[in-house]
Amino acid sequence: MAIPIEQLAEEMYQMVVEYHGKKNLKASDLTKAMIAKYGEDQVSKEDCKQAIRQLIDSGRCVYSYLGGSYITLPKKDSAAPE
């Protein structure tokens, strides 16, 4: 039974939060981590791609370009109310 895309997205988001400010994660880092955790028979690269797209489209994560493409948390706007 394959892992649901929503679950992959949530676990990827937790990884981004955990490493925020410590290490920049590439999409391939997240994909490799999910495949290592669940195995290639449960999670495909396409599943991971969909989960990342879900995170980006929802605004929970953004792409940053710092000499490479990384997935990070969106910057907090100081003018935005909390």
PDB file of N, CA and C in Angstrom:
ATOM      1  N   MET A   1       0.853  -1.190   0.000  1.00  0.00           N
ATOM      2  CA  MET A   1       0.000   0.000   0.000  1.00  0.00           C
ATOM      3  C   MET A   1       0.888   1.238   0.000  1.00  0.00           C
ATOM      4  N   ALA A   2       0.643   2.119  -0.925  1.00  0.00           N
ATOM      5  CA  ALA A   2       1.458   3.329  -1.058  1.00  0.00           C
ATOM      6  C   ALA A   2       1.127   4.340   0.042  1.00  0.00           C
ATOM      7  N   ILE A   3       2.093   5.171   0.340  1.00  0.00           N
ATOM      8  CA  ILE A   3       1.926   6.216   1.348  1.00  0.00           C
ATOM      9  C   ILE A   3       1.149   7.377   0.716  1.00  0.00           C
ATOM     10  N   PRO A   4       0.121   7.917   1.393  1.00  0.00           N
ATOM     11  CA  PRO A   4      -0.649   9.035   0.826  1.00  0.00           C
ATOM     12  C   PRO A   4       0.228  10.280   0.619  1.00  0.00           C
ATOM     13  N   ILE A   5      -0.059  11.031  -0.443  1.00  0.00           N
ATOM     14  CA  ILE A   5       0.697  12.235  -0.772  1.00  0.00           C
ATOM     15  C   ILE A   5       0.635  13.241   0.380  1.00  0.00           C
ATOM     16  N   GLU A   6      -0.514  13.357   1.018  1.00  0.00           N
ATOM     17  CA  GLU A   6      -0.675  14.308   2.131  1.00  0.00           C
ATOM     18  C   GLU A   6       0.273  13.970   3.278  1.00  0.00           C
ATOM     19  N   GLN A   7       0.442  12.683   3.550  1.00  0.00           N
ATOM     20  CA  GLN A   7       1.350  12.250   4.616  1.00  0.00           C
ATOM     21  C   GLN A   7       2.797  12.572   4.239  1.00  0.00           C
ATOM     22  N   LEU A   8       3.158  12.326   2.995  1.00  0.00           N
ATOM     23  CA  LEU A   8       4.514  12.658   2.539  1.00  0.00           C
ATOM     24  C   LEU A   8       4.759  14.158   2.673  1.00  0.00           C
ATOM     25  N   ALA A   9       3.781  14.955   2.247  1.00  0.00           N
ATOM     26  CA  ALA A   9       3.917  16.410   2.317  1.00  0.00           C
ATOM     27  C   ALA A   9       4.118  16.850   3.762  1.00  0.00           C
ATOM     28  N   GLU A  10       3.350  16.279   4.684  1.00  0.00           N
ATOM     29  CA  GLU A  10       3.463  16.661   6.095  1.00  0.00           C
ATOM     30  C   GLU A  10       4.832  16.285   6.657  1.00  0.00           C
ATOM     31  N   GLU A  11       5.324  15.108   6.319  1.00  0.00           N
ATOM     32  CA  GLU A  11       6.636  14.681   6.812  1.00  0.00           C
ATOM     33  C   GLU A  11       7.756  15.520   6.206  1.00  0.00           C
ATOM     34  N   MET A  12       7.611  15.871   4.938  1.00  0.00           N
ATOM     35  CA  MET A  12       8.602  16.749   4.312  1.00  0.00           C
ATOM     36  C   MET A  12       8.594  18.121   4.982  1.00  0.00           C
ATOM     37  N   TYR A  13       7.407  18.619   5.266  1.00  0.00           N
ATOM     38  CA  TYR A  13       7.291  19.913   5.942  1.00  0.00           C
ATOM     39  C   TYR A  13       7.986  19.868   7.308  1.00  0.00           C
ATOM     40  N   GLN A  14       7.785  18.790   8.045  1.00  0.00           N
ATOM     41  CA  GLN A  14       8.427  18.651   9.357  1.00  0.00           C
ATOM     42  C   GLN A  14       9.953  18.642   9.222  1.00  0.00           C
ATOM     43  N   MET A  15      10.461  18.020   8.158  1.00  0.00           N
ATOM     44  CA  MET A  15      11.917  18.025   7.913  1.00  0.00           C
ATOM     45  C   MET A  15      12.417  19.436   7.654  1.00  0.00           C
ATOM     46  N   VAL A  16      11.675  20.190   6.833  1.00  0.00           N
ATOM     47  CA  VAL A  16      12.070  21.568   6.519  1.00  0.00           C
ATOM     48  C   VAL A  16      12.081  22.406   7.798  1.00  0.00           C
ATOM     49  N   VAL A  17      11.070  22.226   8.643  1.00  0.00           N
ATOM     50  CA  VAL A  17      11.009  22.958   9.920  1.00  0.00           C
ATOM     51  C   VAL A  17      12.189  22.574  10.802  1.00  0.00           C
ATOM     52  N   GLU A  18      12.475  21.282  10.886  1.00  0.00           N
ATOM     53  CA  GLU A  18      13.562  20.785  11.736  1.00  0.00           C
ATOM     54  C   GLU A  18      14.923  21.351  11.324  1.00  0.00           C
ATOM     55  N   TYR A  19      15.167  21.445  10.022  1.00  0.00           N
ATOM     56  CA  TYR A  19      16.465  21.901   9.526  1.00  0.00           C
ATOM     57  C   TYR A  19      16.521  23.398   9.235  1.00  0.00           C
ATOM     58  N   HIS A  20      15.416  24.102   9.457  1.00  0.00           N
ATOM     59  CA  HIS A  20      15.365  25.536   9.160  1.00  0.00           C
ATOM     60  C   HIS A  20      16.458  26.289   9.926  1.00  0.00           C
ATOM     61  N   GLY A  21      17.261  27.040   9.208  1.00  0.00           N
ATOM     62  CA  GLY A  21      18.341  27.807   9.820  1.00  0.00           C
ATOM     63  C   GLY A  21      19.608  27.001  10.051  1.00  0.00           C
ATOM     64  N   LYS A  22      19.543  25.680   9.862  1.00  0.00           N
ATOM     65  CA  LYS A  22      20.706  24.820  10.078  1.00  0.00           C
ATOM     66  C   LYS A  22      21.273  24.322   8.760  1.00  0.00           C
ATOM     67  N   LYS A  23      20.359  23.908   7.872  1.00  0.00           N
ATOM     68  CA  LYS A  23      20.782  23.331   6.595  1.00  0.00           C
ATOM     69  C   LYS A  23      19.704  23.607   5.560  1.00  0.00           C
ATOM     70  N   ASN A  24      20.136  23.971   4.354  1.00  0.00           N
ATOM     71  CA  ASN A  24      19.194  24.158   3.254  1.00  0.00           C
ATOM     72  C   ASN A  24      18.934  22.814   2.599  1.00  0.00           C
ATOM     73  N   LEU A  25      17.670  22.472   2.438  1.00  0.00           N
ATOM     74  CA  LEU A  25      17.298  21.188   1.845  1.00  0.00           C
ATOM     75  C   LEU A  25      16.861  21.371   0.402  1.00  0.00           C
ATOM     76  N   LYS A  26      17.388  20.541  -0.467  1.00  0.00           N
ATOM     77  CA  LYS A  26      16.964  20.523  -1.862  1.00  0.00           C
ATOM     78  C   LYS A  26      15.793  19.555  -1.984  1.00  0.00           C
ATOM     79  N   ALA A  27      15.073  19.679  -3.088  1.00  0.00           N
ATOM     80  CA  ALA A  27      13.960  18.756  -3.351  1.00  0.00           C
ATOM     81  C   ALA A  27      14.463  17.317  -3.356  1.00  0.00           C
ATOM     82  N   SER A  28      15.664  17.114  -3.910  1.00  0.00           N
ATOM     83  CA  SER A  28      16.211  15.752  -3.964  1.00  0.00           C
ATOM     84  C   SER A  28      16.530  15.217  -2.566  1.00  0.00           C
ATOM     85  N   ASP A  29      16.915  16.105  -1.636  1.00  0.00           N
ATOM     86  CA  ASP A  29      17.172  15.668  -0.255  1.00  0.00           C
ATOM     87  C   ASP A  29      15.892  15.135   0.383  1.00  0.00           C
ATOM     88  N   LEU A  30      14.792  15.853   0.170  1.00  0.00           N
ATOM     89  CA  LEU A  30      13.506  15.421   0.726  1.00  0.00           C
ATOM     90  C   LEU A  30      13.052  14.114   0.087  1.00  0.00           C
ATOM     91  N   THR A  31      13.224  14.020  -1.224  1.00  0.00           N
ATOM     92  CA  THR A  31      12.824  12.809  -1.944  1.00  0.00           C
ATOM     93  C   THR A  31      13.620  11.602  -1.455  1.00  0.00           C
ATOM     94  N   LYS A  32      14.933  11.752  -1.355  1.00  0.00           N
ATOM     95  CA  LYS A  32      15.787  10.644  -0.890  1.00  0.00           C
ATOM     96  C   LYS A  32      15.426  10.228   0.530  1.00  0.00           C
ATOM     97  N   ALA A  33      15.123  11.196   1.386  1.00  0.00           N
ATOM     98  CA  ALA A  33      14.774  10.882   2.774  1.00  0.00           C
ATOM     99  C   ALA A  33      13.481  10.075   2.855  1.00  0.00           C
ATOM    100  N   MET A  34      12.490  10.437   2.052  1.00  0.00           N
ATOM    101  CA  MET A  34      11.209   9.719   2.079  1.00  0.00           C
ATOM    102  C   MET A  34      11.349   8.316   1.492  1.00  0.00           C
ATOM    103  N   ILE A  35      12.134   8.185   0.422  1.00  0.00           N
ATOM    104  CA  ILE A  35      12.354   6.861  -0.169  1.00  0.00           C
ATOM    105  C   ILE A  35      13.154   5.985   0.795  1.00  0.00           C
ATOM    106  N   ALA A  36      14.141   6.575   1.487  1.00  0.00           N
ATOM    107  CA  ALA A  36      14.929   5.813   2.462  1.00  0.00           C
ATOM    108  C   ALA A  36      14.053   5.369   3.627  1.00  0.00           C
ATOM    109  N   LYS A  37      13.125   6.210   4.032  1.00  0.00           N
ATOM    110  CA  LYS A  37      12.265   5.892   5.174  1.00  0.00           C
ATOM    111  C   LYS A  37      11.247   4.796   4.844  1.00  0.00           C
ATOM    112  N   TYR A  38      10.625   4.902   3.673  1.00  0.00           N
ATOM    113  CA  TYR A  38       9.532   3.987   3.337  1.00  0.00           C
ATOM    114  C   TYR A  38       9.883   2.925   2.316  1.00  0.00           C
ATOM    115  N   GLY A  39      10.939   3.129   1.551  1.00  0.00           N
ATOM    116  CA  GLY A  39      11.317   2.160   0.532  1.00  0.00           C
ATOM    117  C   GLY A  39      10.726   2.519  -0.825  1.00  0.00           C
ATOM    118  N   GLU A  40      11.417   2.098  -1.875  1.00  0.00           N
ATOM    119  CA  GLU A  40      10.993   2.425  -3.239  1.00  0.00           C
ATOM    120  C   GLU A  40       9.668   1.769  -3.620  1.00  0.00           C
ATOM    121  N   ASP A  41       9.315   0.682  -2.924  1.00  0.00           N
ATOM    122  CA  ASP A  41       8.057   0.017  -3.234  1.00  0.00           C
ATOM    123  C   ASP A  41       6.849   0.769  -2.676  1.00  0.00           C
ATOM    124  N   GLN A  42       7.068   1.678  -1.709  1.00  0.00           N
ATOM    125  CA  GLN A  42       5.987   2.450  -1.083  1.00  0.00           C
ATOM    126  C   GLN A  42       5.912   3.884  -1.580  1.00  0.00           C
ATOM    127  N   VAL A  43       7.072   4.466  -1.957  1.00  0.00           N
ATOM    128  CA  VAL A  43       7.146   5.880  -2.340  1.00  0.00           C
ATOM    129  C   VAL A  43       7.944   6.011  -3.631  1.00  0.00           C
ATOM    130  N   SER A  44       7.367   6.691  -4.603  1.00  0.00           N
ATOM    131  CA  SER A  44       8.080   6.926  -5.861  1.00  0.00           C
ATOM    132  C   SER A  44       8.548   8.375  -5.923  1.00  0.00           C
ATOM    133  N   LYS A  45       9.448   8.646  -6.857  1.00  0.00           N
ATOM    134  CA  LYS A  45       9.906  10.023  -7.056  1.00  0.00           C
ATOM    135  C   LYS A  45       8.735  10.914  -7.461  1.00  0.00           C
ATOM    136  N   GLU A  46       7.818  10.363  -8.237  1.00  0.00           N
ATOM    137  CA  GLU A  46       6.639  11.135  -8.659  1.00  0.00           C
ATOM    138  C   GLU A  46       5.756  11.487  -7.466  1.00  0.00           C
ATOM    139  N   ASP A  47       5.600  10.557  -6.511  1.00  0.00           N
ATOM    140  CA  ASP A  47       4.848  10.845  -5.283  1.00  0.00           C
ATOM    141  C   ASP A  47       5.483  12.014  -4.539  1.00  0.00           C
ATOM    142  N   CYS A  48       6.798  11.984  -4.433  1.00  0.00           N
ATOM    143  CA  CYS A  48       7.523  13.036  -3.725  1.00  0.00           C
ATOM    144  C   CYS A  48       7.381  14.375  -4.442  1.00  0.00           C
ATOM    145  N   LYS A  49       7.422  14.321  -5.765  1.00  0.00           N
ATOM    146  CA  LYS A  49       7.258  15.535  -6.563  1.00  0.00           C
ATOM    147  C   LYS A  49       5.888  16.157  -6.300  1.00  0.00           C
ATOM    148  N   GLN A  50       4.866  15.329  -6.241  1.00  0.00           N
ATOM    149  CA  GLN A  50       3.510  15.815  -5.961  1.00  0.00           C
ATOM    150  C   GLN A  50       3.405  16.392  -4.557  1.00  0.00           C
ATOM    151  N   ALA A  51       4.049  15.753  -3.596  1.00  0.00           N
ATOM    152  CA  ALA A  51       4.020  16.238  -2.213  1.00  0.00           C
ATOM    153  C   ALA A  51       4.712  17.597  -2.116  1.00  0.00           C
ATOM    154  N   ILE A  52       5.845  17.755  -2.793  1.00  0.00           N
ATOM    155  CA  ILE A  52       6.562  19.036  -2.786  1.00  0.00           C
ATOM    156  C   ILE A  52       5.700  20.103  -3.457  1.00  0.00           C
ATOM    157  N   ARG A  53       5.085  19.762  -4.566  1.00  0.00           N
ATOM    158  CA  ARG A  53       4.206  20.714  -5.258  1.00  0.00           C
ATOM    159  C   ARG A  53       3.076  21.161  -4.335  1.00  0.00           C
ATOM    160  N   GLN A  54       2.543  20.228  -3.551  1.00  0.00           N
ATOM    161  CA  GLN A  54       1.475  20.545  -2.608  1.00  0.00           C
ATOM    162  C   GLN A  54       1.969  21.548  -1.549  1.00  0.00           C
ATOM    163  N   LEU A  55       3.181  21.336  -1.047  1.00  0.00           N
ATOM    164  CA  LEU A  55       3.749  22.257  -0.051  1.00  0.00           C
ATOM    165  C   LEU A  55       3.960  23.654  -0.629  1.00  0.00           C
ATOM    166  N   ILE A  56       4.463  23.724  -1.852  1.00  0.00           N
ATOM    167  CA  ILE A  56       4.731  25.006  -2.493  1.00  0.00           C
ATOM    168  C   ILE A  56       3.419  25.719  -2.828  1.00  0.00           C
ATOM    169  N   ASP A  57       2.484  24.990  -3.423  1.00  0.00           N
ATOM    170  CA  ASP A  57       1.200  25.588  -3.809  1.00  0.00           C
ATOM    171  C   ASP A  57       0.407  26.086  -2.610  1.00  0.00           C
ATOM    172  N   SER A  58       0.523  25.406  -1.476  1.00  0.00           N
ATOM    173  CA  SER A  58      -0.215  25.811  -0.280  1.00  0.00           C
ATOM    174  C   SER A  58       0.449  26.987   0.437  1.00  0.00           C
ATOM    175  N   GLY A  59       1.700  27.278   0.082  1.00  0.00           N
ATOM    176  CA  GLY A  59       2.410  28.381   0.725  1.00  0.00           C
ATOM    177  C   GLY A  59       3.123  27.988   2.003  1.00  0.00           C
ATOM    178  N   ARG A  60       3.064  26.726   2.363  1.00  0.00           N
ATOM    179  CA  ARG A  60       3.750  26.271   3.585  1.00  0.00           C
ATOM    180  C   ARG A  60       5.258  26.309   3.411  1.00  0.00           C
ATOM    181  N   CYS A  61       5.718  26.096   2.181  1.00  0.00           N
ATOM    182  CA  CYS A  61       7.143  26.161   1.851  1.00  0.00           C
ATOM    183  C   CYS A  61       7.306  26.978   0.577  1.00  0.00           C
ATOM    184  N   VAL A  62       8.517  27.471   0.372  1.00  0.00           N
ATOM    185  CA  VAL A  62       8.835  28.235  -0.836  1.00  0.00           C
ATOM    186  C   VAL A  62      10.175  27.762  -1.375  1.00  0.00           C
ATOM    187  N   TYR A  63      10.392  28.039  -2.658  1.00  0.00           N
ATOM    188  CA  TYR A  63      11.702  27.787  -3.244  1.00  0.00           C
ATOM    189  C   TYR A  63      12.580  28.998  -2.984  1.00  0.00           C
ATOM    190  N   SER A  64      13.810  28.774  -2.572  1.00  0.00           N
ATOM    191  CA  SER A  64      14.811  29.829  -2.416  1.00  0.00           C
ATOM    192  C   SER A  64      15.959  29.507  -3.347  1.00  0.00           C
ATOM    193  N   TYR A  65      16.574  30.532  -3.883  1.00  0.00           N
ATOM    194  CA  TYR A  65      17.688  30.348  -4.806  1.00  0.00           C
ATOM    195  C   TYR A  65      18.934  30.972  -4.190  1.00  0.00           C
ATOM    196  N   LEU A  66      19.793  30.136  -3.645  1.00  0.00           N
ATOM    197  CA  LEU A  66      21.030  30.585  -3.001  1.00  0.00           C
ATOM    198  C   LEU A  66      22.182  29.799  -3.617  1.00  0.00           C
ATOM    199  N   GLY A  67      22.451  30.054  -4.880  1.00  0.00           N
ATOM    200  CA  GLY A  67      23.471  29.269  -5.572  1.00  0.00           C
ATOM    201  C   GLY A  67      22.955  27.898  -5.946  1.00  0.00           C
ATOM    202  N   GLY A  68      21.693  27.672  -5.721  1.00  0.00           N
ATOM    203  CA  GLY A  68      21.017  26.421  -6.011  1.00  0.00           C
ATOM    204  C   GLY A  68      19.577  26.568  -5.571  1.00  0.00           C
ATOM    205  N   SER A  69      18.751  25.638  -5.919  1.00  0.00           N
ATOM    206  CA  SER A  69      17.339  25.707  -5.586  1.00  0.00           C
ATOM    207  C   SER A  69      17.072  24.917  -4.304  1.00  0.00           C
ATOM    208  N   TYR A  70      16.562  25.590  -3.287  1.00  0.00           N
ATOM    209  CA  TYR A  70      16.292  24.956  -1.996  1.00  0.00           C
ATOM    210  C   TYR A  70      14.837  25.162  -1.606  1.00  0.00           C
ATOM    211  N   ILE A  71      14.340  24.269  -0.785  1.00  0.00           N
ATOM    212  CA  ILE A  71      12.986  24.398  -0.262  1.00  0.00           C
ATOM    213  C   ILE A  71      13.111  24.876   1.177  1.00  0.00           C
ATOM    214  N   THR A  72      12.492  26.019   1.466  1.00  0.00           N
ATOM    215  CA  THR A  72      12.592  26.616   2.798  1.00  0.00           C
ATOM    216  C   THR A  72      11.214  27.059   3.273  1.00  0.00           C
ATOM    217  N   LEU A  73      11.167  27.513   4.513  1.00  0.00           N
ATOM    218  CA  LEU A  73       9.950  28.106   5.043  1.00  0.00           C
ATOM    219  C   LEU A  73       9.838  29.524   4.505  1.00  0.00           C
ATOM    220  N   PRO A  74       8.617  30.015   4.297  1.00  0.00           N
ATOM    221  CA  PRO A  74       8.482  31.391   3.821  1.00  0.00           C
ATOM    222  C   PRO A  74       9.003  32.370   4.870  1.00  0.00           C
ATOM    223  N   LYS A  75       9.571  33.465   4.414  1.00  0.00           N
ATOM    224  CA  LYS A  75      10.059  34.484   5.349  1.00  0.00           C
ATOM    225  C   LYS A  75       8.858  35.174   5.974  1.00  0.00           C
ATOM    226  N   LYS A  76       8.968  35.470   7.268  1.00  0.00           N
ATOM    227  CA  LYS A  76       7.912  36.185   7.958  1.00  0.00           C
ATOM    228  C   LYS A  76       7.999  37.649   7.561  1.00  0.00           C
ATOM    229  N   ASP A  77       6.893  38.207   7.139  1.00  0.00           N
ATOM    230  CA  ASP A  77       6.822  39.626   6.784  1.00  0.00           C
ATOM    231  C   ASP A  77       6.627  40.409   8.068  1.00  0.00           C
ATOM    232  N   SER A  78       7.522  41.332   8.356  1.00  0.00           N
ATOM    233  CA  SER A  78       7.456  42.067   9.616  1.00  0.00           C
ATOM    234  C   SER A  78       6.217  42.943   9.681  1.00  0.00           C
ATOM    235  N   ALA A  79       5.634  43.296   8.526  1.00  0.00           N
ATOM    236  CA  ALA A  79       4.428  44.135   8.504  1.00  0.00           C
ATOM    237  C   ALA A  79       3.157  43.307   8.687  1.00  0.00           C
ATOM    238  N   ALA A  80       3.259  42.025   8.499  1.00  0.00           N
ATOM    239  CA  ALA A  80       2.074  41.161   8.599  1.00  0.00           C
ATOM    240  C   ALA A  80       1.720  40.905  10.060  1.00  0.00           C
ATOM    241  N   PRO A  81       0.437  41.004  10.389  1.00  0.00           N
ATOM    242  CA  PRO A  81       0.039  40.709  11.775  1.00  0.00           C
ATOM    243  C   PRO A  81       0.146  39.223  12.056  1.00  0.00           C
ATOM    244  N   GLU A  82       0.400  38.882  13.291  1.00  0.00           N
ATOM    245  CA  GLU A  82       0.541  37.470  13.656  1.00  0.00           C
ATOM    246  C   GLU A  82      -0.709  36.932  14.273  1.00  0.00           C
TER     247      GLU A  82
END
